[in-house]
Amino acid sequence: MTSSTWHRILRFMLLLVVSWCVMVTTHELGHIVSGCCLGATLDDFDLRPWHLPYSLFSSDPHPLITLWGGPVLGVLTPLAVAMLFRSPAIWFVADFCLLANGIYLALAWVAGDSHLDTARILQHGGSPVLVALFCLITAGFGYIRFRRDVMALFSEARTHAGRD
């Protein structure tokens, strides 16, 4: 492999790590911001991305909005930053967040774990149709966009490799 190819692989791996950190942080901050803005009492939280971040509220007058705040702000915040800065690397991160939030809610639904967002959304009266639509839209568009980002990153490596 050429040095250009190794550079692309390392860049890809770094972008994945950054994407994961941004995704879990913006998702959890979405819960925290939503809950705190609506009068919930935040008891504990952990935003470290190498753990699974969490937030615990002792009282929450609007738990459904707090729960939806995670995936919604976890998608919208990175997309807004990408629209503002218009950098391929930032779009890579935003598209990863779009894909990952949709897949997370879908997998959490299948897992049925009562501590995960999807089961809690449904427990608090959330619409299964709305959850399914969110999953389909975010995972669908996220997959298309993220795949395009990855292909663009590695097609540049092939183009340069052909010239070496």
Protein backbone atom coordinates (compact mmCIF):
# COMPACT_ATOMS: atom_id res chain seq x y z
CA MET A 1 0.00 0.00 0.00
CA THR A 2 1.12 3.50 -0.73
CA SER A 3 1.64 6.16 1.91
CA SER A 4 -1.42 7.94 0.52
CA THR A 5 -3.55 4.85 1.16
CA TRP A 6 -2.22 4.53 4.72
CA HIS A 7 -2.96 8.21 5.25
CA ARG A 8 -6.57 7.65 4.12
CA ILE A 9 -6.97 4.61 6.37
CA LEU A 10 -5.62 6.49 9.39
CA ARG A 11 -7.84 9.48 8.57
CA PHE A 12 -10.85 7.15 8.28
CA MET A 13 -10.09 5.54 11.65
CA LEU A 14 -9.60 8.93 13.31
CA LEU A 15 -12.86 10.20 11.81
CA LEU A 16 -14.67 7.12 13.16
CA VAL A 17 -13.34 7.75 16.68
CA VAL A 18 -14.28 11.43 16.51
CA SER A 19 -17.69 10.51 15.07
CA TRP A 20 -18.39 8.08 17.92
CA CYS A 21 -17.39 10.67 20.53
CA VAL A 22 -19.53 13.38 18.94
CA MET A 23 -22.50 11.03 18.50
CA VAL A 24 -22.65 9.76 22.08
CA THR A 25 -21.95 13.21 23.53
CA THR A 26 -24.52 15.13 21.47
CA HIS A 27 -27.09 12.38 22.01
CA GLU A 28 -26.68 12.43 25.79
CA LEU A 29 -26.46 16.23 25.93
CA GLY A 30 -29.75 16.23 24.01
CA HIS A 31 -31.37 14.35 26.90
CA ILE A 32 -29.76 16.66 29.48
CA VAL A 33 -30.63 19.92 27.72
CA SER A 34 -34.20 18.80 26.97
CA GLY A 35 -34.79 17.61 30.51
CA CYS A 36 -33.26 20.62 32.22
CA CYS A 37 -35.08 23.11 29.95
CA LEU A 38 -38.40 21.46 30.83
CA GLY A 39 -37.93 21.36 34.60
CA ALA A 40 -36.41 17.92 35.15
CA THR A 41 -34.01 17.46 38.05
CA LEU A 42 -30.70 16.03 36.85
CA ASP A 43 -29.21 13.76 39.52
CA ASP A 44 -26.24 12.23 37.74
CA PHE A 45 -24.66 12.01 34.32
CA ASP A 46 -21.58 10.71 32.56
CA LEU A 47 -20.54 12.07 29.16
CA ARG A 48 -17.31 10.12 28.74
CA PRO A 49 -17.58 8.49 25.30
CA TRP A 50 -15.44 5.49 26.24
CA HIS A 51 -18.21 4.55 28.69
CA LEU A 52 -21.79 4.48 27.60
CA PRO A 53 -22.87 8.00 28.54
CA TYR A 54 -26.01 8.35 30.63
CA SER A 55 -28.13 10.91 32.43
CA LEU A 56 -30.38 10.22 35.41
CA PHE A 57 -33.25 12.48 36.42
CA SER A 58 -35.02 12.16 39.77
CA SER A 59 -38.08 14.01 38.59
CA ASP A 60 -39.05 14.80 35.04
CA PRO A 61 -42.38 16.46 34.25
CA HIS A 62 -41.97 15.67 30.52
CA PRO A 63 -40.04 12.39 30.23
CA LEU A 64 -41.13 11.72 26.65
CA ILE A 65 -39.64 15.02 25.45
CA THR A 66 -36.49 14.42 27.47
CA LEU A 67 -36.13 10.96 25.94
CA TRP A 68 -36.69 12.22 22.38
CA GLY A 69 -34.24 15.07 23.01
CA GLY A 70 -31.31 12.65 22.84
CA PRO A 71 -31.76 11.25 19.36
CA VAL A 72 -33.27 14.42 17.90
CA LEU A 73 -30.55 16.79 19.14
CA GLY A 74 -27.99 14.03 18.56
CA VAL A 75 -28.87 14.28 14.86
CA LEU A 76 -29.69 17.97 14.47
CA THR A 77 -26.67 19.41 16.32
CA PRO A 78 -23.99 17.72 14.16
CA LEU A 79 -26.02 18.44 11.00
CA ALA A 80 -26.26 22.14 11.94
CA VAL A 81 -22.50 22.31 12.55
CA ALA A 82 -21.84 20.60 9.20
CA MET A 83 -24.13 23.03 7.38
CA LEU A 84 -22.35 25.93 9.05
CA PHE A 85 -18.77 24.84 8.31
CA ARG A 86 -19.32 22.80 5.11
CA SER A 87 -16.24 20.62 5.57
CA PRO A 88 -16.13 17.03 4.24
CA ALA A 89 -14.72 15.82 7.58
CA ILE A 90 -17.52 17.51 9.53
CA TRP A 91 -20.12 16.10 7.12
CA PHE A 92 -18.59 12.65 7.72
CA VAL A 93 -19.17 13.08 11.47
CA ALA A 94 -22.69 14.47 11.00
CA ASP A 95 -23.69 11.67 8.63
CA PHE A 96 -22.31 9.09 11.07
CA CYS A 97 -24.45 10.67 13.81
CA LEU A 98 -27.51 10.52 11.55
CA LEU A 99 -26.94 6.83 10.83
CA ALA A 100 -25.94 5.86 14.37
CA ASN A 101 -28.89 7.51 16.12
CA GLY A 102 -31.35 5.74 13.82
CA ILE A 103 -29.62 2.39 14.21
CA TYR A 104 -29.40 2.84 17.99
CA LEU A 105 -33.15 3.38 18.39
CA ALA A 106 -33.88 0.45 16.07
CA LEU A 107 -31.51 -1.94 17.85
CA ALA A 108 -32.70 -0.76 21.26
CA TRP A 109 -36.25 -1.55 20.14
CA VAL A 110 -35.27 -5.06 19.06
CA ALA A 111 -33.25 -5.61 22.27
CA GLY A 112 -36.20 -4.49 24.40
CA ASP A 113 -33.89 -3.50 27.26
CA SER A 114 -35.93 -1.34 29.64
CA HIS A 115 -32.93 0.93 30.29
CA LEU A 116 -32.48 1.92 26.64
CA ASP A 117 -34.19 4.89 25.01
CA THR A 118 -36.65 3.10 22.73
CA ALA A 119 -38.26 1.00 25.44
CA ARG A 120 -38.49 4.07 27.67
CA ILE A 121 -40.01 6.18 24.86
CA LEU A 122 -42.66 3.53 24.30
CA GLN A 123 -43.22 3.10 28.06
CA HIS A 124 -43.93 6.84 28.37
CA GLY A 125 -46.52 6.78 25.59
CA GLY A 126 -44.37 7.40 22.55
CA SER A 127 -45.79 6.31 19.23
CA PRO A 128 -44.27 3.14 17.73
CA VAL A 129 -45.01 4.63 14.30
CA LEU A 130 -43.01 7.76 15.13
CA VAL A 131 -40.11 5.64 16.45
CA ALA A 132 -40.19 3.52 13.28
CA LEU A 133 -40.28 6.63 11.05
CA PHE A 134 -37.37 8.19 12.93
CA CYS A 135 -35.36 4.97 12.55
CA LEU A 136 -36.16 4.59 8.86
CA ILE A 137 -35.47 8.21 7.96
CA THR A 138 -32.29 8.69 9.97
CA ALA A 139 -30.80 5.25 9.29
CA GLY A 140 -31.86 5.37 5.63
CA PHE A 141 -30.53 8.83 4.82
CA GLY A 142 -27.61 8.28 7.20
CA TYR A 143 -26.57 5.11 5.38
CA ILE A 144 -26.74 6.75 1.96
CA ARG A 145 -24.84 9.84 3.08
CA PHE A 146 -22.26 8.03 5.24
CA ARG A 147 -21.55 5.49 2.50
CA ARG A 148 -20.99 8.36 0.07
CA ASP A 149 -18.59 10.00 2.55
CA VAL A 150 -16.58 6.79 2.97
CA MET A 151 -16.50 6.13 -0.77
CA ALA A 152 -15.29 9.69 -1.43
CA LEU A 153 -12.54 9.32 1.16
CA PHE A 154 -11.25 6.08 -0.35
CA SER A 155 -11.83 6.91 -4.00
CA GLU A 156 -9.33 9.73 -3.60
CA ALA A 157 -6.84 7.16 -2.34
CA ARG A 158 -7.41 4.96 -5.42
CA THR A 159 -7.05 7.94 -7.73
CA HIS A 160 -3.73 8.89 -6.16
CA ALA A 161 -2.55 5.25 -6.00
CA GLY A 162 -3.06 4.90 -9.76
CA ARG A 163 -0.61 7.76 -10.31
CA ASP A 164 2.16 6.35 -8.06
